Amino acid sequence: MKKKKIKIMVSVLVLLLVGVSGVAYYLFNMPHRNIQEAKTDYSFSSSEIVNEYLADATIANEKYLEEEGDSKILAVTGKIFSIGKDQNNQKVILLKDTSEKAGVSCTFTEATNRSTKDLEIGQTVTIKGVIRSGAGFDADLDMYEDVIMEKCDVVNE
C-alpha cells in the first residue's frame, strides 16, 4: 500500500515538473514585440510629452505605461541636445531644446545603433521607441528627470 502511494506521488510530481517546464519553455521562447514594425500609438514633439508628465505624472503614466511591460510606442520629434553611449555601448540621444527643463532620452539597440551615425547635435529628428518612464522633478537632487524611451530607431520620413 505504501509503495502505491509513493508511486502515485512520484507520478504527480513528474507530471507537475513536466508542466512547469513546458510553461517556462514557452515563456522563454515567446517572440518579442518588434517595436520598429509595430504601429505607433502616439506621435508628438519632445516638449509635449515632457510637459504632459510635468503637469500630471499619474495621468500620463496611466496613458502611456503598462505594468505587464507592453508600454506604448511613441514617435517623438525634437532637436538633438546630446549624443552619447551607455554602459552597453548603445547610443543614447537626448531630444531637448535648450529652454526646456527636461527632455526625452532615447536608447537605441545594438541593431539600430547604426542609424545614428549621420546624426548631429542641433538636428531635428523623429525617433520611435517604447516608453519606460516619464519626466519628473527630483526634489532631493533638485533636478528634472527626462522621459526615457528604449528600443529606439530613427524614423525615416
N, C-alpha and C. Protein backbone atom coordinates (compact mmCIF):
# COMPACT_ATOMS: atom_id res chain seq x y z
N MET A 1 0.82 -1.20 0.00
CA MET A 1 0.00 0.00 0.00
C MET A 1 0.87 1.26 0.00
N LYS A 2 1.97 1.27 0.80
CA LYS A 2 2.86 2.42 0.85
C LYS A 2 3.55 2.63 -0.49
N LYS A 3 3.94 1.54 -1.16
CA LYS A 3 4.61 1.65 -2.44
C LYS A 3 3.68 2.27 -3.48
N LYS A 4 2.41 1.96 -3.41
CA LYS A 4 1.45 2.51 -4.37
C LYS A 4 1.30 4.02 -4.17
N LYS A 5 1.26 4.47 -2.91
CA LYS A 5 1.16 5.90 -2.61
C LYS A 5 2.41 6.63 -3.11
N ILE A 6 3.55 6.05 -2.87
CA ILE A 6 4.81 6.67 -3.31
C ILE A 6 4.85 6.76 -4.83
N LYS A 7 4.40 5.70 -5.51
CA LYS A 7 4.37 5.69 -6.97
C LYS A 7 3.45 6.80 -7.49
N ILE A 8 2.30 6.96 -6.87
CA ILE A 8 1.34 8.00 -7.29
C ILE A 8 1.94 9.39 -7.06
N MET A 9 2.57 9.58 -5.90
CA MET A 9 3.15 10.89 -5.59
C MET A 9 4.30 11.21 -6.55
N VAL A 10 5.13 10.24 -6.86
CA VAL A 10 6.23 10.46 -7.81
C VAL A 10 5.67 10.77 -9.20
N SER A 11 4.62 10.07 -9.61
CA SER A 11 3.99 10.31 -10.91
C SER A 11 3.41 11.72 -10.99
N VAL A 12 2.73 12.15 -9.94
CA VAL A 12 2.17 13.50 -9.90
C VAL A 12 3.28 14.54 -9.93
N LEU A 13 4.35 14.30 -9.18
CA LEU A 13 5.48 15.22 -9.16
C LEU A 13 6.13 15.33 -10.54
N VAL A 14 6.31 14.21 -11.22
CA VAL A 14 6.89 14.22 -12.57
C VAL A 14 5.99 14.98 -13.53
N LEU A 15 4.68 14.74 -13.48
CA LEU A 15 3.74 15.46 -14.35
C LEU A 15 3.77 16.97 -14.07
N LEU A 16 3.82 17.33 -12.81
CA LEU A 16 3.89 18.74 -12.43
C LEU A 16 5.18 19.37 -12.95
N LEU A 17 6.29 18.67 -12.81
CA LEU A 17 7.58 19.16 -13.30
C LEU A 17 7.58 19.33 -14.81
N VAL A 18 7.00 18.38 -15.52
CA VAL A 18 6.90 18.48 -16.99
C VAL A 18 6.02 19.68 -17.37
N GLY A 19 4.92 19.89 -16.67
CA GLY A 19 4.04 21.02 -16.96
C GLY A 19 4.72 22.37 -16.72
N VAL A 20 5.40 22.50 -15.60
CA VAL A 20 6.11 23.74 -15.28
C VAL A 20 7.22 23.98 -16.30
N SER A 21 7.93 22.93 -16.67
CA SER A 21 8.99 23.06 -17.67
C SER A 21 8.42 23.51 -19.01
N GLY A 22 7.29 22.99 -19.40
CA GLY A 22 6.65 23.39 -20.66
C GLY A 22 6.25 24.85 -20.66
N VAL A 23 5.68 25.32 -19.56
CA VAL A 23 5.30 26.74 -19.45
C VAL A 23 6.53 27.63 -19.48
N ALA A 24 7.57 27.25 -18.76
CA ALA A 24 8.81 28.04 -18.74
C ALA A 24 9.43 28.10 -20.13
N TYR A 25 9.45 26.99 -20.84
CA TYR A 25 10.00 26.95 -22.20
C TYR A 25 9.21 27.87 -23.12
N TYR A 26 7.89 27.84 -23.02
CA TYR A 26 7.03 28.69 -23.85
C TYR A 26 7.30 30.17 -23.55
N LEU A 27 7.34 30.54 -22.29
CA LEU A 27 7.57 31.94 -21.93
C LEU A 27 8.96 32.42 -22.35
N PHE A 28 9.96 31.56 -22.22
CA PHE A 28 11.31 31.93 -22.60
C PHE A 28 11.45 32.14 -24.10
N ASN A 29 10.74 31.35 -24.88
CA ASN A 29 10.84 31.42 -26.34
C ASN A 29 9.74 32.23 -27.00
N MET A 30 8.94 32.91 -26.21
CA MET A 30 7.87 33.73 -26.76
C MET A 30 8.49 34.85 -27.61
N PRO A 31 7.93 35.12 -28.78
CA PRO A 31 8.51 36.16 -29.62
C PRO A 31 8.39 37.54 -28.98
N HIS A 32 9.45 38.33 -29.14
CA HIS A 32 9.46 39.68 -28.60
C HIS A 32 8.73 40.61 -29.56
N ARG A 33 8.17 41.66 -29.02
CA ARG A 33 7.47 42.65 -29.82
C ARG A 33 8.49 43.44 -30.63
N ASN A 34 8.27 43.51 -31.95
CA ASN A 34 9.15 44.28 -32.83
C ASN A 34 8.65 45.72 -32.84
N ILE A 35 9.33 46.56 -32.08
CA ILE A 35 8.91 47.95 -31.90
C ILE A 35 8.91 48.70 -33.22
N GLN A 36 9.92 48.49 -34.04
CA GLN A 36 10.05 49.28 -35.26
C GLN A 36 9.00 48.92 -36.31
N GLU A 37 8.51 47.71 -36.31
CA GLU A 37 7.48 47.32 -37.27
C GLU A 37 6.07 47.48 -36.71
N ALA A 38 5.95 47.69 -35.41
CA ALA A 38 4.64 47.85 -34.78
C ALA A 38 4.07 49.24 -35.06
N LYS A 39 2.78 49.35 -34.92
CA LYS A 39 2.08 50.62 -35.11
C LYS A 39 2.43 51.57 -33.98
N THR A 40 2.64 52.84 -34.34
CA THR A 40 2.92 53.87 -33.35
C THR A 40 1.63 54.25 -32.64
N ASP A 41 1.65 54.28 -31.31
CA ASP A 41 0.47 54.64 -30.54
C ASP A 41 0.27 56.15 -30.46
N TYR A 42 1.37 56.91 -30.31
CA TYR A 42 1.28 58.36 -30.19
C TYR A 42 2.46 59.01 -30.90
N SER A 43 2.21 60.17 -31.52
CA SER A 43 3.26 60.96 -32.16
C SER A 43 3.15 62.39 -31.66
N PHE A 44 4.26 62.95 -31.20
CA PHE A 44 4.27 64.33 -30.75
C PHE A 44 5.69 64.83 -30.60
N SER A 45 5.83 66.10 -30.20
CA SER A 45 7.17 66.68 -30.00
C SER A 45 7.69 66.30 -28.62
N SER A 46 8.99 66.41 -28.46
CA SER A 46 9.59 66.07 -27.17
C SER A 46 9.06 66.97 -26.06
N SER A 47 8.84 68.24 -26.35
CA SER A 47 8.34 69.14 -25.31
C SER A 47 6.91 68.81 -24.91
N GLU A 48 6.10 68.30 -25.83
CA GLU A 48 4.71 67.93 -25.49
C GLU A 48 4.66 66.80 -24.47
N ILE A 49 5.45 65.74 -24.68
CA ILE A 49 5.42 64.62 -23.75
C ILE A 49 6.03 65.01 -22.40
N VAL A 50 7.09 65.81 -22.42
CA VAL A 50 7.70 66.25 -21.17
C VAL A 50 6.71 67.11 -20.38
N ASN A 51 6.06 68.06 -21.03
CA ASN A 51 5.10 68.94 -20.36
C ASN A 51 3.90 68.17 -19.83
N GLU A 52 3.49 67.14 -20.57
CA GLU A 52 2.37 66.30 -20.10
C GLU A 52 2.75 65.60 -18.79
N TYR A 53 3.97 65.08 -18.71
CA TYR A 53 4.42 64.43 -17.48
C TYR A 53 4.62 65.42 -16.35
N LEU A 54 5.17 66.58 -16.64
CA LEU A 54 5.39 67.56 -15.58
C LEU A 54 4.08 68.13 -15.05
N ALA A 55 3.04 68.18 -15.90
CA ALA A 55 1.73 68.67 -15.47
C ALA A 55 1.05 67.68 -14.53
N ASP A 56 1.04 66.38 -14.89
CA ASP A 56 0.42 65.36 -14.04
C ASP A 56 0.98 63.99 -14.41
N ALA A 57 1.98 63.54 -13.68
CA ALA A 57 2.66 62.28 -13.98
C ALA A 57 1.75 61.07 -13.83
N THR A 58 0.81 61.11 -12.90
CA THR A 58 -0.08 59.97 -12.68
C THR A 58 -0.95 59.72 -13.91
N ILE A 59 -1.55 60.76 -14.44
CA ILE A 59 -2.40 60.62 -15.63
C ILE A 59 -1.57 60.18 -16.83
N ALA A 60 -0.39 60.77 -16.99
CA ALA A 60 0.47 60.40 -18.11
C ALA A 60 0.92 58.94 -18.00
N ASN A 61 1.27 58.48 -16.80
CA ASN A 61 1.67 57.08 -16.61
C ASN A 61 0.53 56.13 -16.96
N GLU A 62 -0.69 56.48 -16.56
CA GLU A 62 -1.85 55.64 -16.89
C GLU A 62 -2.06 55.57 -18.40
N LYS A 63 -1.75 56.64 -19.08
CA LYS A 63 -1.95 56.73 -20.52
C LYS A 63 -0.88 55.96 -21.30
N TYR A 64 0.39 56.03 -20.87
CA TYR A 64 1.49 55.51 -21.67
C TYR A 64 2.16 54.24 -21.16
N LEU A 65 2.12 53.98 -19.86
CA LEU A 65 2.86 52.85 -19.30
C LEU A 65 1.93 51.69 -18.96
N GLU A 66 2.40 50.47 -19.19
CA GLU A 66 1.65 49.26 -18.87
C GLU A 66 2.47 48.44 -17.88
N GLU A 67 1.83 47.91 -16.86
CA GLU A 67 2.53 47.11 -15.85
C GLU A 67 3.14 45.83 -16.41
N GLU A 68 2.46 45.21 -17.39
CA GLU A 68 2.97 43.95 -17.92
C GLU A 68 4.07 44.13 -18.94
N GLY A 69 4.54 45.37 -19.16
CA GLY A 69 5.71 45.59 -19.99
C GLY A 69 5.45 46.05 -21.41
N ASP A 70 4.22 45.96 -21.88
CA ASP A 70 3.91 46.39 -23.25
C ASP A 70 3.49 47.85 -23.26
N SER A 71 4.39 48.72 -22.85
CA SER A 71 4.09 50.14 -22.81
C SER A 71 3.89 50.68 -24.22
N LYS A 72 3.36 51.87 -24.32
CA LYS A 72 3.00 52.46 -25.61
C LYS A 72 4.24 52.76 -26.45
N ILE A 73 4.05 52.70 -27.76
CA ILE A 73 5.10 53.02 -28.72
C ILE A 73 4.91 54.45 -29.16
N LEU A 74 5.97 55.25 -29.01
CA LEU A 74 5.90 56.68 -29.31
C LEU A 74 6.82 57.03 -30.47
N ALA A 75 6.40 58.03 -31.24
CA ALA A 75 7.27 58.66 -32.23
C ALA A 75 7.42 60.10 -31.75
N VAL A 76 8.63 60.45 -31.35
CA VAL A 76 8.89 61.76 -30.75
C VAL A 76 9.82 62.56 -31.66
N THR A 77 9.41 63.78 -31.94
CA THR A 77 10.20 64.68 -32.78
C THR A 77 10.81 65.76 -31.89
N GLY A 78 12.10 65.98 -32.07
CA GLY A 78 12.76 67.01 -31.27
C GLY A 78 14.14 67.32 -31.78
N LYS A 79 14.76 68.30 -31.16
CA LYS A 79 16.11 68.71 -31.52
C LYS A 79 17.10 67.92 -30.67
N ILE A 80 18.14 67.40 -31.32
CA ILE A 80 19.16 66.62 -30.62
C ILE A 80 19.99 67.54 -29.73
N PHE A 81 19.95 67.27 -28.43
CA PHE A 81 20.69 68.05 -27.45
C PHE A 81 22.05 67.43 -27.16
N SER A 82 22.08 66.08 -27.12
CA SER A 82 23.34 65.38 -26.89
C SER A 82 23.28 63.97 -27.48
N ILE A 83 24.45 63.44 -27.80
CA ILE A 83 24.60 62.08 -28.31
C ILE A 83 25.67 61.40 -27.47
N GLY A 84 25.35 60.26 -26.91
CA GLY A 84 26.31 59.54 -26.08
C GLY A 84 26.12 58.04 -26.19
N LYS A 85 26.77 57.32 -25.29
CA LYS A 85 26.65 55.87 -25.22
C LYS A 85 26.42 55.47 -23.78
N ASP A 86 25.71 54.35 -23.59
CA ASP A 86 25.51 53.84 -22.24
C ASP A 86 26.54 52.76 -21.94
N GLN A 87 26.42 52.11 -20.79
CA GLN A 87 27.39 51.09 -20.38
C GLN A 87 27.38 49.86 -21.28
N ASN A 88 26.32 49.68 -22.07
CA ASN A 88 26.24 48.55 -23.00
C ASN A 88 26.68 48.94 -24.40
N ASN A 89 27.29 50.12 -24.54
CA ASN A 89 27.77 50.64 -25.81
C ASN A 89 26.64 50.92 -26.80
N GLN A 90 25.45 51.19 -26.27
CA GLN A 90 24.31 51.55 -27.11
C GLN A 90 24.20 53.07 -27.15
N LYS A 91 23.84 53.60 -28.32
CA LYS A 91 23.70 55.04 -28.46
C LYS A 91 22.54 55.54 -27.63
N VAL A 92 22.72 56.72 -27.03
CA VAL A 92 21.67 57.39 -26.27
C VAL A 92 21.61 58.82 -26.78
N ILE A 93 20.44 59.19 -27.31
CA ILE A 93 20.25 60.53 -27.85
C ILE A 93 19.23 61.25 -26.98
N LEU A 94 19.58 62.46 -26.56
CA LEU A 94 18.67 63.28 -25.77
C LEU A 94 18.04 64.32 -26.67
N LEU A 95 16.70 64.27 -26.78
CA LEU A 95 15.94 65.27 -27.53
C LEU A 95 15.48 66.33 -26.54
N LYS A 96 15.96 67.55 -26.74
CA LYS A 96 15.63 68.60 -25.78
C LYS A 96 16.04 69.94 -26.38
N ASP A 97 15.20 70.93 -26.16
CA ASP A 97 15.55 72.28 -26.56
C ASP A 97 16.25 72.94 -25.38
N THR A 98 17.15 73.86 -25.63
CA THR A 98 17.92 74.48 -24.54
C THR A 98 17.04 75.18 -23.52
N SER A 99 15.84 75.60 -23.91
CA SER A 99 14.95 76.30 -22.98
C SER A 99 14.11 75.35 -22.12
N GLU A 100 14.13 74.06 -22.41
CA GLU A 100 13.29 73.10 -21.69
C GLU A 100 13.98 72.61 -20.42
N LYS A 101 13.15 72.23 -19.45
CA LYS A 101 13.64 71.73 -18.16
C LYS A 101 14.12 70.29 -18.27
N ALA A 102 13.44 69.50 -19.09
CA ALA A 102 13.77 68.08 -19.26
C ALA A 102 13.58 67.73 -20.73
N GLY A 103 14.05 66.56 -21.10
CA GLY A 103 13.94 66.12 -22.48
C GLY A 103 13.51 64.67 -22.56
N VAL A 104 13.76 64.06 -23.72
CA VAL A 104 13.42 62.66 -23.95
C VAL A 104 14.73 61.94 -24.27
N SER A 105 15.11 61.01 -23.39
CA SER A 105 16.32 60.22 -23.57
C SER A 105 15.97 58.95 -24.34
N CYS A 106 16.58 58.78 -25.51
CA CYS A 106 16.26 57.66 -26.41
C CYS A 106 17.45 56.71 -26.49
N THR A 107 17.27 55.48 -26.00
CA THR A 107 18.33 54.48 -26.04
C THR A 107 18.08 53.54 -27.21
N PHE A 108 19.09 53.43 -28.07
CA PHE A 108 18.99 52.58 -29.24
C PHE A 108 19.44 51.16 -28.90
N THR A 109 19.23 50.23 -29.79
CA THR A 109 19.66 48.85 -29.57
C THR A 109 20.92 48.59 -30.39
N GLU A 110 21.52 47.45 -30.17
CA GLU A 110 22.70 47.08 -30.94
C GLU A 110 22.38 47.07 -32.44
N ALA A 111 21.18 46.62 -32.78
CA ALA A 111 20.78 46.55 -34.19
C ALA A 111 20.47 47.92 -34.78
N THR A 112 20.05 48.88 -33.97
CA THR A 112 19.66 50.18 -34.51
C THR A 112 20.71 51.27 -34.28
N ASN A 113 21.80 50.95 -33.60
CA ASN A 113 22.87 51.94 -33.37
C ASN A 113 23.36 52.57 -34.68
N ARG A 114 23.43 51.77 -35.73
CA ARG A 114 23.98 52.26 -37.00
C ARG A 114 23.15 53.39 -37.62
N SER A 115 21.87 53.47 -37.28
CA SER A 115 21.03 54.52 -37.87
C SER A 115 21.33 55.90 -37.27
N THR A 116 22.19 55.96 -36.26
CA THR A 116 22.52 57.24 -35.63
C THR A 116 23.81 57.85 -36.15
N LYS A 117 24.50 57.16 -37.04
CA LYS A 117 25.86 57.60 -37.42
C LYS A 117 25.89 58.96 -38.09
N ASP A 118 24.86 59.38 -38.81
CA ASP A 118 24.86 60.67 -39.50
C ASP A 118 24.17 61.77 -38.72
N LEU A 119 23.74 61.48 -37.50
CA LEU A 119 23.02 62.48 -36.70
C LEU A 119 24.00 63.44 -36.03
N GLU A 120 23.55 64.69 -35.89
CA GLU A 120 24.39 65.72 -35.28
C GLU A 120 23.60 66.51 -34.26
N ILE A 121 24.30 67.05 -33.28
CA ILE A 121 23.67 67.89 -32.26
C ILE A 121 23.05 69.11 -32.95
N GLY A 122 21.83 69.45 -32.55
CA GLY A 122 21.11 70.57 -33.14
C GLY A 122 20.17 70.17 -34.25
N GLN A 123 20.33 68.97 -34.77
CA GLN A 123 19.47 68.46 -35.85
C GLN A 123 18.11 68.07 -35.29
N THR A 124 17.04 68.32 -36.05
CA THR A 124 15.70 67.89 -35.66
C THR A 124 15.44 66.52 -36.27
N VAL A 125 14.98 65.60 -35.43
CA VAL A 125 14.81 64.21 -35.85
C VAL A 125 13.58 63.61 -35.18
N THR A 126 13.00 62.59 -35.81
CA THR A 126 11.91 61.83 -35.21
C THR A 126 12.43 60.45 -34.85
N ILE A 127 12.20 60.07 -33.60
CA ILE A 127 12.68 58.79 -33.08
C ILE A 127 11.49 58.00 -32.55
N LYS A 128 11.46 56.72 -32.92
CA LYS A 128 10.38 55.83 -32.49
C LYS A 128 10.94 54.83 -31.48
N GLY A 129 10.18 54.61 -30.40
CA GLY A 129 10.60 53.64 -29.39
C GLY A 129 9.49 53.40 -28.39
N VAL A 130 9.79 52.60 -27.39
CA VAL A 130 8.82 52.27 -26.35
C VAL A 130 9.17 53.08 -25.10
N ILE A 131 8.16 53.65 -24.47
CA ILE A 131 8.39 54.47 -23.29
C ILE A 131 8.59 53.57 -22.06
N ARG A 132 9.55 53.95 -21.21
CA ARG A 132 9.83 53.20 -19.98
C ARG A 132 9.56 54.01 -18.73
N SER A 133 9.75 55.31 -18.78
CA SER A 133 9.42 56.15 -17.63
C SER A 133 9.24 57.58 -18.09
N GLY A 134 8.55 58.34 -17.26
CA GLY A 134 8.23 59.71 -17.63
C GLY A 134 9.11 60.73 -16.94
N ALA A 135 8.93 61.97 -17.34
CA ALA A 135 9.70 63.07 -16.77
C ALA A 135 9.16 63.41 -15.38
N GLY A 136 10.00 64.03 -14.60
CA GLY A 136 9.60 64.44 -13.27
C GLY A 136 10.66 65.32 -12.64
N PHE A 137 10.36 65.80 -11.45
CA PHE A 137 11.31 66.62 -10.71
C PHE A 137 11.74 65.87 -9.47
N ASP A 138 13.04 65.69 -9.30
CA ASP A 138 13.58 65.03 -8.12
C ASP A 138 14.00 66.11 -7.14
N ALA A 139 13.21 66.27 -6.06
CA ALA A 139 13.46 67.33 -5.08
C ALA A 139 14.76 67.09 -4.32
N ASP A 140 15.12 65.83 -4.08
CA ASP A 140 16.36 65.54 -3.36
C ASP A 140 17.59 66.00 -4.14
N LEU A 141 17.56 65.78 -5.44
CA LEU A 141 18.68 66.18 -6.28
C LEU A 141 18.50 67.58 -6.86
N ASP A 142 17.31 68.14 -6.69
CA ASP A 142 16.97 69.45 -7.21
C ASP A 142 17.22 69.54 -8.71
N MET A 143 16.70 68.50 -9.43
CA MET A 143 16.86 68.48 -10.89
C MET A 143 15.70 67.74 -11.54
N TYR A 144 15.51 68.01 -12.82
CA TYR A 144 14.47 67.36 -13.59
C TYR A 144 15.00 66.06 -14.19
N GLU A 145 14.10 65.06 -14.27
CA GLU A 145 14.43 63.78 -14.88
C GLU A 145 13.79 63.72 -16.25
N ASP A 146 14.46 63.09 -17.20
CA ASP A 146 13.98 63.00 -18.57
C ASP A 146 12.98 61.86 -18.75
N VAL A 147 12.16 61.96 -19.81
CA VAL A 147 11.36 60.83 -20.26
C VAL A 147 12.36 59.82 -20.82
N ILE A 148 12.16 58.55 -20.56
CA ILE A 148 13.09 57.52 -21.04
C ILE A 148 12.37 56.60 -22.03
N MET A 149 12.96 56.49 -23.21
CA MET A 149 12.48 55.57 -24.24
C MET A 149 13.57 54.56 -24.55
N GLU A 150 13.17 53.33 -24.86
CA GLU A 150 14.10 52.24 -25.19
C GLU A 150 13.75 51.65 -26.53
N LYS A 151 14.66 50.81 -27.03
CA LYS A 151 14.47 50.10 -28.29
C LYS A 151 14.15 51.09 -29.41
N CYS A 152 14.90 52.16 -29.45
CA CYS A 152 14.63 53.26 -30.37
C CYS A 152 15.29 53.06 -31.73
N ASP A 153 14.74 53.79 -32.70
CA ASP A 153 15.33 53.87 -34.03
C ASP A 153 14.87 55.19 -34.64
N VAL A 154 15.66 55.69 -35.58
CA VAL A 154 15.32 56.92 -36.27
C VAL A 154 14.23 56.61 -37.29
N VAL A 155 13.21 57.46 -37.33
CA VAL A 155 12.13 57.30 -38.31
C VAL A 155 12.54 58.02 -39.58
N ASN A 156 12.58 57.30 -40.69
CA ASN A 156 12.91 57.91 -41.97
C ASN A 156 11.65 58.50 -42.57
N GLU A 157 11.67 59.81 -42.72
CA GLU A 157 10.47 60.49 -43.22
C GLU A 157 10.56 60.73 -44.70
